[in-house]
N, C-alpha and C. Protein backbone atom coordinates (compact mmCIF):
# COMPACT_ATOMS: atom_id res chain seq x y z
N UNK A 1 -14.22 -3.91 11.00
CA UNK A 1 -13.93 -2.57 10.51
C UNK A 1 -13.94 -2.63 8.97
N UNK A 2 -14.61 -1.68 8.34
CA UNK A 2 -14.66 -1.70 6.88
C UNK A 2 -13.46 -0.98 6.26
N UNK A 3 -13.39 -1.03 4.93
CA UNK A 3 -12.24 -0.48 4.21
C UNK A 3 -12.04 1.01 4.45
N UNK A 4 -13.15 1.76 4.53
CA UNK A 4 -13.02 3.21 4.73
C UNK A 4 -12.49 3.56 6.11
N UNK A 5 -12.94 2.84 7.11
CA UNK A 5 -12.43 3.06 8.47
C UNK A 5 -10.94 2.70 8.53
N UNK A 6 -10.59 1.57 7.93
CA UNK A 6 -9.19 1.17 7.88
C UNK A 6 -8.35 2.21 7.16
N UNK A 7 -8.89 2.72 6.06
CA UNK A 7 -8.18 3.71 5.26
C UNK A 7 -7.79 4.92 6.09
N UNK A 8 -8.70 5.40 6.91
CA UNK A 8 -8.41 6.55 7.76
C UNK A 8 -7.29 6.25 8.74
N UNK A 9 -7.31 5.07 9.32
CA UNK A 9 -6.25 4.68 10.27
C UNK A 9 -4.91 4.53 9.56
N UNK A 10 -4.93 3.96 8.36
CA UNK A 10 -3.71 3.77 7.58
C UNK A 10 -3.10 5.11 7.21
N UNK A 11 -3.94 6.02 6.74
CA UNK A 11 -3.46 7.35 6.36
C UNK A 11 -2.89 8.08 7.57
N UNK A 12 -3.56 7.96 8.71
CA UNK A 12 -3.04 8.57 9.93
C UNK A 12 -1.68 8.02 10.31
N UNK A 13 -1.50 6.72 10.16
CA UNK A 13 -0.21 6.09 10.46
C UNK A 13 0.87 6.58 9.49
N UNK A 14 0.52 6.70 8.20
CA UNK A 14 1.48 7.18 7.20
C UNK A 14 1.88 8.62 7.46
N UNK A 15 0.93 9.44 7.85
CA UNK A 15 1.23 10.84 8.15
C UNK A 15 2.16 10.92 9.35
N UNK A 16 1.95 10.08 10.35
CA UNK A 16 2.83 10.05 11.52
C UNK A 16 4.26 9.67 11.12
N UNK A 17 4.40 8.67 10.27
CA UNK A 17 5.72 8.25 9.80
C UNK A 17 6.38 9.39 9.03
N UNK A 18 5.63 10.00 8.12
CA UNK A 18 6.19 11.08 7.29
C UNK A 18 6.55 12.29 8.14
N UNK A 19 5.74 12.59 9.13
CA UNK A 19 6.01 13.72 10.03
C UNK A 19 7.33 13.51 10.76
N UNK A 20 7.60 12.26 11.13
CA UNK A 20 8.83 11.96 11.86
C UNK A 20 10.05 11.90 10.97
N UNK A 21 9.90 11.32 9.77
CA UNK A 21 11.06 11.08 8.90
C UNK A 21 11.24 12.10 7.78
N UNK A 22 10.15 12.65 7.28
CA UNK A 22 10.23 13.55 6.13
C UNK A 22 10.50 12.78 4.85
N UNK A 23 10.63 13.50 3.74
CA UNK A 23 10.91 12.85 2.45
C UNK A 23 12.39 12.52 2.30
N UNK A 24 12.70 11.70 1.28
CA UNK A 24 14.09 11.50 0.90
C UNK A 24 14.73 10.18 1.26
N UNK A 25 14.01 9.32 1.99
CA UNK A 25 14.58 8.02 2.35
C UNK A 25 14.16 6.95 1.34
N UNK A 26 14.73 5.78 1.48
CA UNK A 26 14.35 4.66 0.63
C UNK A 26 12.97 4.14 1.01
N UNK A 27 12.29 3.58 0.02
CA UNK A 27 10.97 2.99 0.24
C UNK A 27 10.99 1.98 1.39
N UNK A 28 12.04 1.18 1.47
CA UNK A 28 12.13 0.14 2.50
C UNK A 28 12.10 0.74 3.92
N UNK A 29 12.66 1.93 4.08
CA UNK A 29 12.63 2.59 5.40
C UNK A 29 11.21 2.96 5.78
N UNK A 30 10.47 3.51 4.82
CA UNK A 30 9.08 3.89 5.10
C UNK A 30 8.23 2.66 5.36
N UNK A 31 8.50 1.58 4.63
CA UNK A 31 7.75 0.34 4.84
C UNK A 31 7.97 -0.18 6.26
N UNK A 32 9.21 -0.22 6.67
CA UNK A 32 9.54 -0.71 8.02
C UNK A 32 8.84 0.15 9.09
N UNK A 33 8.91 1.45 8.93
CA UNK A 33 8.33 2.35 9.93
C UNK A 33 6.80 2.32 9.90
N UNK A 34 6.21 2.22 8.71
CA UNK A 34 4.76 2.15 8.62
C UNK A 34 4.26 0.85 9.26
N UNK A 35 4.94 -0.24 9.02
CA UNK A 35 4.56 -1.50 9.66
C UNK A 35 4.66 -1.40 11.18
N UNK A 36 5.70 -0.75 11.65
CA UNK A 36 5.84 -0.54 13.10
C UNK A 36 4.67 0.29 13.63
N UNK A 37 4.33 1.34 12.91
CA UNK A 37 3.23 2.21 13.31
C UNK A 37 1.90 1.46 13.32
N UNK A 38 1.68 0.62 12.31
CA UNK A 38 0.46 -0.20 12.28
C UNK A 38 0.42 -1.15 13.47
N UNK A 39 1.57 -1.73 13.82
CA UNK A 39 1.65 -2.61 14.97
C UNK A 39 1.32 -1.87 16.26
N UNK A 40 1.85 -0.67 16.40
CA UNK A 40 1.56 0.13 17.60
C UNK A 40 0.07 0.41 17.73
N UNK A 41 -0.60 0.53 16.59
CA UNK A 41 -2.04 0.82 16.59
C UNK A 41 -2.88 -0.46 16.59
N UNK A 42 -2.19 -1.59 16.71
CA UNK A 42 -2.84 -2.90 16.76
C UNK A 42 -3.72 -3.17 15.54
N UNK A 43 -3.19 -2.80 14.38
CA UNK A 43 -3.86 -3.04 13.10
C UNK A 43 -3.15 -4.22 12.44
N UNK A 44 -3.90 -5.25 12.10
CA UNK A 44 -3.26 -6.44 11.51
C UNK A 44 -2.88 -6.18 10.05
N UNK A 45 -1.75 -6.75 9.66
CA UNK A 45 -1.26 -6.57 8.30
C UNK A 45 -0.36 -7.72 7.92
N UNK A 46 -0.16 -7.85 6.63
CA UNK A 46 0.80 -8.80 6.09
C UNK A 46 1.76 -8.00 5.22
N UNK A 47 3.02 -8.19 5.47
CA UNK A 47 4.07 -7.45 4.75
C UNK A 47 4.68 -8.32 3.66
N UNK A 48 4.95 -7.71 2.50
CA UNK A 48 5.54 -8.42 1.36
C UNK A 48 4.77 -9.70 1.04
N UNK A 49 3.46 -9.52 0.94
CA UNK A 49 2.56 -10.66 0.67
C UNK A 49 2.71 -11.13 -0.77
N UNK A 50 2.85 -12.43 -0.99
CA UNK A 50 2.95 -12.93 -2.36
C UNK A 50 1.66 -12.68 -3.13
N UNK A 51 1.79 -12.32 -4.39
CA UNK A 51 0.63 -12.06 -5.25
C UNK A 51 0.74 -12.95 -6.49
N UNK A 52 0.11 -14.13 -6.44
CA UNK A 52 0.18 -15.01 -7.60
C UNK A 52 -0.62 -14.45 -8.77
N UNK A 53 -0.26 -14.88 -9.96
CA UNK A 53 -1.00 -14.53 -11.16
C UNK A 53 -1.82 -15.75 -11.53
N UNK A 54 -3.12 -15.55 -11.74
CA UNK A 54 -3.97 -16.65 -12.18
C UNK A 54 -4.11 -16.53 -13.69
N UNK A 55 -3.62 -17.54 -14.37
CA UNK A 55 -3.65 -17.56 -15.83
C UNK A 55 -4.32 -18.85 -16.28
N UNK A 56 -5.43 -18.69 -16.98
CA UNK A 56 -6.20 -19.84 -17.48
C UNK A 56 -6.50 -20.84 -16.35
N UNK A 57 -6.89 -20.26 -15.21
CA UNK A 57 -7.31 -21.09 -14.09
C UNK A 57 -6.19 -21.68 -13.25
N UNK A 58 -4.95 -21.35 -13.57
CA UNK A 58 -3.82 -21.89 -12.82
C UNK A 58 -3.11 -20.76 -12.09
N UNK A 59 -2.86 -20.96 -10.79
CA UNK A 59 -2.12 -19.98 -9.99
C UNK A 59 -0.63 -20.14 -10.25
N UNK A 60 -0.01 -19.07 -10.70
CA UNK A 60 1.42 -19.09 -11.00
C UNK A 60 2.14 -18.10 -10.09
N UNK A 61 3.20 -18.56 -9.48
CA UNK A 61 4.01 -17.67 -8.65
C UNK A 61 5.04 -17.00 -9.57
N UNK A 62 4.77 -15.74 -9.88
CA UNK A 62 5.66 -14.99 -10.78
C UNK A 62 6.58 -14.05 -10.01
N UNK A 63 6.58 -14.18 -8.69
CA UNK A 63 7.49 -13.38 -7.87
C UNK A 63 6.95 -12.02 -7.45
N UNK A 64 5.68 -11.73 -7.74
CA UNK A 64 5.13 -10.44 -7.33
C UNK A 64 4.85 -10.43 -5.84
N UNK A 65 5.09 -9.28 -5.22
CA UNK A 65 4.85 -9.09 -3.80
C UNK A 65 4.15 -7.76 -3.59
N UNK A 66 3.11 -7.79 -2.77
CA UNK A 66 2.41 -6.58 -2.39
C UNK A 66 3.12 -6.03 -1.16
N UNK A 67 3.37 -4.73 -1.14
CA UNK A 67 4.09 -4.15 -0.01
C UNK A 67 3.41 -4.49 1.31
N UNK A 68 2.13 -4.12 1.44
CA UNK A 68 1.40 -4.38 2.68
C UNK A 68 -0.07 -4.64 2.34
N UNK A 69 -0.64 -5.65 2.97
CA UNK A 69 -2.09 -5.86 2.93
C UNK A 69 -2.58 -5.71 4.36
N UNK A 70 -3.50 -4.77 4.58
CA UNK A 70 -3.99 -4.47 5.92
C UNK A 70 -5.32 -5.19 6.14
N UNK A 71 -5.35 -5.99 7.19
CA UNK A 71 -6.56 -6.67 7.65
C UNK A 71 -7.24 -7.47 6.54
N UNK A 72 -6.47 -7.96 5.59
CA UNK A 72 -6.98 -8.73 4.45
C UNK A 72 -8.03 -7.96 3.66
N UNK A 73 -7.94 -6.59 3.72
CA UNK A 73 -8.95 -5.76 3.06
C UNK A 73 -8.38 -4.64 2.20
N UNK A 74 -7.21 -4.11 2.56
CA UNK A 74 -6.67 -2.93 1.88
C UNK A 74 -5.23 -3.20 1.46
N UNK A 75 -4.94 -2.93 0.18
CA UNK A 75 -3.57 -3.05 -0.32
C UNK A 75 -2.91 -1.69 -0.22
N UNK A 76 -1.69 -1.68 0.31
CA UNK A 76 -0.89 -0.47 0.34
C UNK A 76 0.34 -0.69 -0.54
N UNK A 77 0.51 0.19 -1.51
CA UNK A 77 1.69 0.15 -2.36
C UNK A 77 2.50 1.40 -2.03
N UNK A 78 3.74 1.20 -1.60
CA UNK A 78 4.59 2.31 -1.16
C UNK A 78 5.58 2.70 -2.24
N UNK A 79 5.82 4.00 -2.34
CA UNK A 79 6.82 4.53 -3.25
C UNK A 79 7.58 5.65 -2.54
N UNK A 80 8.78 5.90 -3.03
CA UNK A 80 9.54 7.08 -2.62
C UNK A 80 10.21 7.59 -3.89
N UNK A 81 9.40 8.26 -4.71
CA UNK A 81 9.83 8.68 -6.05
C UNK A 81 9.53 10.15 -6.26
N UNK A 82 10.23 10.76 -7.23
CA UNK A 82 10.00 12.17 -7.54
C UNK A 82 8.58 12.40 -8.02
N UNK A 83 8.09 11.51 -8.88
CA UNK A 83 6.72 11.62 -9.41
C UNK A 83 6.12 10.23 -9.54
N UNK A 84 4.89 10.10 -9.12
CA UNK A 84 4.17 8.85 -9.34
C UNK A 84 3.86 8.76 -10.83
N UNK A 85 4.20 7.63 -11.41
CA UNK A 85 4.00 7.41 -12.85
C UNK A 85 2.76 6.54 -13.08
N UNK A 86 2.23 6.59 -14.29
CA UNK A 86 1.07 5.74 -14.61
C UNK A 86 1.32 4.25 -14.33
N UNK A 87 2.53 3.77 -14.49
CA UNK A 87 2.84 2.37 -14.23
C UNK A 87 2.65 2.02 -12.76
N UNK A 88 2.90 2.96 -11.85
CA UNK A 88 2.68 2.72 -10.43
C UNK A 88 1.20 2.53 -10.14
N UNK A 89 0.38 3.36 -10.76
CA UNK A 89 -1.08 3.24 -10.59
C UNK A 89 -1.57 1.93 -11.20
N UNK A 90 -1.06 1.60 -12.38
CA UNK A 90 -1.46 0.36 -13.06
C UNK A 90 -1.09 -0.86 -12.21
N UNK A 91 0.08 -0.81 -11.57
CA UNK A 91 0.52 -1.91 -10.71
C UNK A 91 -0.47 -2.14 -9.58
N UNK A 92 -0.88 -1.07 -8.90
CA UNK A 92 -1.82 -1.20 -7.80
C UNK A 92 -3.18 -1.70 -8.29
N UNK A 93 -3.66 -1.16 -9.40
CA UNK A 93 -4.94 -1.61 -9.94
C UNK A 93 -4.89 -3.09 -10.31
N UNK A 94 -3.77 -3.55 -10.85
CA UNK A 94 -3.61 -4.96 -11.19
C UNK A 94 -3.60 -5.81 -9.93
N UNK A 95 -2.90 -5.37 -8.88
CA UNK A 95 -2.90 -6.10 -7.61
C UNK A 95 -4.32 -6.22 -7.05
N UNK A 96 -5.09 -5.14 -7.16
CA UNK A 96 -6.48 -5.19 -6.69
C UNK A 96 -7.27 -6.23 -7.48
N UNK A 97 -7.10 -6.22 -8.77
CA UNK A 97 -7.81 -7.17 -9.63
C UNK A 97 -7.41 -8.61 -9.29
N UNK A 98 -6.11 -8.87 -9.18
CA UNK A 98 -5.63 -10.22 -8.90
C UNK A 98 -6.06 -10.72 -7.52
N UNK A 99 -6.12 -9.82 -6.56
CA UNK A 99 -6.44 -10.20 -5.19
C UNK A 99 -7.94 -10.27 -4.93
N UNK A 100 -8.71 -9.54 -5.73
CA UNK A 100 -10.15 -9.46 -5.48
C UNK A 100 -10.50 -8.49 -4.36
N UNK A 101 -9.50 -7.75 -3.88
CA UNK A 101 -9.77 -6.76 -2.84
C UNK A 101 -10.34 -5.49 -3.45
N UNK A 102 -11.02 -4.71 -2.63
CA UNK A 102 -11.75 -3.55 -3.11
C UNK A 102 -10.95 -2.25 -3.09
N UNK A 103 -10.12 -2.05 -2.07
CA UNK A 103 -9.47 -0.75 -1.87
C UNK A 103 -7.95 -0.88 -1.88
N UNK A 104 -7.31 0.05 -2.59
CA UNK A 104 -5.86 0.14 -2.59
C UNK A 104 -5.43 1.57 -2.35
N UNK A 105 -4.30 1.74 -1.68
CA UNK A 105 -3.77 3.07 -1.41
C UNK A 105 -2.33 3.11 -1.92
N UNK A 106 -2.07 4.03 -2.82
CA UNK A 106 -0.72 4.27 -3.34
C UNK A 106 -0.15 5.44 -2.54
N UNK A 107 0.96 5.20 -1.85
CA UNK A 107 1.57 6.23 -1.00
C UNK A 107 2.96 6.55 -1.50
N UNK A 108 3.17 7.81 -1.84
CA UNK A 108 4.50 8.28 -2.21
C UNK A 108 5.03 9.15 -1.06
N UNK A 109 6.06 8.67 -0.39
CA UNK A 109 6.60 9.38 0.76
C UNK A 109 7.58 10.50 0.36
N UNK A 110 7.92 10.60 -0.91
CA UNK A 110 8.88 11.62 -1.34
C UNK A 110 8.15 12.91 -1.73
N UNK A 111 7.38 13.44 -0.80
CA UNK A 111 6.62 14.68 -0.98
C UNK A 111 6.79 15.53 0.27
N UNK A 112 6.54 16.82 0.13
CA UNK A 112 6.65 17.71 1.29
C UNK A 112 5.51 17.50 2.28
N UNK A 113 4.28 17.33 1.76
CA UNK A 113 3.12 17.05 2.61
C UNK A 113 2.58 15.68 2.25
N UNK A 114 2.46 14.81 3.22
CA UNK A 114 2.04 13.43 2.94
C UNK A 114 0.69 13.36 2.27
N UNK A 115 -0.21 14.27 2.60
CA UNK A 115 -1.54 14.23 1.98
C UNK A 115 -1.45 14.34 0.46
N UNK A 116 -0.40 14.97 -0.04
CA UNK A 116 -0.20 15.09 -1.49
C UNK A 116 0.34 13.81 -2.11
N UNK A 117 0.79 12.88 -1.29
CA UNK A 117 1.37 11.64 -1.78
C UNK A 117 0.44 10.44 -1.66
N UNK A 118 -0.82 10.68 -1.30
CA UNK A 118 -1.76 9.58 -1.08
C UNK A 118 -2.82 9.55 -2.17
N UNK A 119 -2.94 8.39 -2.81
CA UNK A 119 -3.96 8.19 -3.83
C UNK A 119 -4.72 6.91 -3.51
N UNK A 120 -6.05 7.02 -3.46
CA UNK A 120 -6.91 5.85 -3.21
C UNK A 120 -7.46 5.33 -4.52
N UNK A 121 -7.53 4.01 -4.62
CA UNK A 121 -8.07 3.36 -5.81
C UNK A 121 -9.09 2.32 -5.38
N UNK A 122 -10.22 2.26 -6.08
CA UNK A 122 -11.27 1.31 -5.77
C UNK A 122 -11.41 0.34 -6.93
N UNK A 123 -11.41 -0.94 -6.60
CA UNK A 123 -11.64 -1.99 -7.58
C UNK A 123 -13.15 -2.20 -7.67
N UNK A 124 -13.70 -1.95 -8.82
CA UNK A 124 -15.15 -2.06 -9.00
C UNK A 124 -15.62 -3.49 -9.22
N UNK A 125 -14.77 -4.44 -8.86
CA UNK A 125 -15.09 -5.86 -8.94
C UNK A 125 -16.03 -6.08 -10.07
């Protein structure tokens, strides 16, 4: 399955979670429920995946963690904030660069309609 097909399934799962819970909860609640939803749909993922920083050819564990990596192809960064800030976008773009993955999805669950909280980012490698 390619990144675009996965993206549609991921967005569908996020919409299902948001439809059930609505806005206003902690990010960790949405992460737990989204992971459960992905499991129900038999979509493989890694939760809280370590993201090392490569500096001058050396991998350094600086404590960064990606919320969810789906099928080793798509990074999902979850938020539950009043407004997505440029730093949130920069964080996802940096994770894409460090991982070498092509597609990232920034999801803010603190919105009335989930479609308004979804932003896709492509790493142009």
